[in-house]
């Protein structure tokens, strides 16, 4: 990785390196946030299913 960085700097492509690092970071953040949203969605779905099962339980007693 050090040779790659040195080559990029010697050629004057520092802006391309910065853009690549920014794009990589943004993509990683997007993937992380999508995973977190999927987890939250699943937890909310579990919560709603539990509420529905409680409602069914209380309706059977009536």
Protein backbone atom coordinates (compact mmCIF):
# COMPACT_ATOMS: atom_id res chain seq x y z
CA UNK A 1 0.00 0.00 0.00
CA UNK A 2 2.90 2.34 0.69
CA UNK A 3 4.25 1.88 -2.87
CA UNK A 4 0.82 2.62 -4.30
CA UNK A 5 0.49 5.80 -2.26
CA UNK A 6 3.99 6.95 -3.22
CA UNK A 7 3.28 6.31 -6.91
CA UNK A 8 0.04 8.25 -6.78
CA UNK A 9 1.71 11.19 -5.03
CA UNK A 10 4.63 11.22 -7.48
CA UNK A 11 2.28 11.34 -10.46
CA UNK A 12 0.33 14.23 -8.98
CA UNK A 13 -2.88 12.27 -8.63
CA UNK A 14 -3.39 13.29 -5.03
CA UNK A 15 -6.87 14.57 -5.84
CA UNK A 16 -7.80 11.17 -7.26
CA UNK A 17 -6.51 9.48 -4.13
CA UNK A 18 -8.54 11.84 -1.94
CA UNK A 19 -11.65 11.28 -4.06
CA UNK A 20 -11.18 7.51 -3.88
CA UNK A 21 -10.81 7.62 -0.10
CA UNK A 22 -13.89 9.84 0.22
CA UNK A 23 -15.95 7.56 -2.03
CA UNK A 24 -14.80 4.47 -0.15
CA UNK A 25 -15.70 6.03 3.18
CA UNK A 26 -19.09 7.18 1.91
CA UNK A 27 -19.85 3.73 0.49
CA UNK A 28 -18.83 2.02 3.72
CA UNK A 29 -21.02 4.41 5.70
CA UNK A 30 -23.96 3.69 3.37
CA UNK A 31 -23.56 -0.08 3.78
CA UNK A 32 -23.30 0.27 7.56
CA UNK A 33 -26.38 2.48 7.79
CA UNK A 34 -28.42 0.13 5.57
CA UNK A 35 -27.49 -2.79 7.81
CA UNK A 36 -28.47 -0.82 10.90
CA UNK A 37 -31.78 0.17 9.34
CA UNK A 38 -32.47 -3.49 8.52
CA UNK A 39 -31.79 -4.44 12.14
CA UNK A 40 -34.07 -1.70 13.45
CA UNK A 41 -36.76 -2.74 11.01
CA UNK A 42 -36.56 -6.33 12.24
CA UNK A 43 -36.77 -5.25 15.89
CA UNK A 44 -39.81 -3.09 15.12
CA UNK A 45 -41.43 -5.97 13.26
CA UNK A 46 -40.83 -8.25 16.27
CA UNK A 47 -42.37 -5.63 18.54
CA UNK A 48 -45.47 -5.30 16.36
CA UNK A 49 -45.87 -9.09 16.23
CA UNK A 50 -45.70 -9.28 20.02
CA UNK A 51 -48.34 -6.58 20.37
CA UNK A 52 -50.53 -8.46 17.89
CA UNK A 53 -50.13 -11.70 19.83
CA UNK A 54 -51.07 -9.91 23.07
CA UNK A 55 -54.16 -8.51 21.38
CA UNK A 56 -55.14 -12.00 20.21
CA UNK A 57 -54.57 -13.35 23.72
CA UNK A 58 -56.80 -10.72 25.34
CA UNK A 59 -59.53 -11.13 22.72
CA UNK A 60 -59.76 -14.89 23.40
CA UNK A 61 -60.65 -14.21 27.04
CA UNK A 62 -63.68 -12.10 26.06
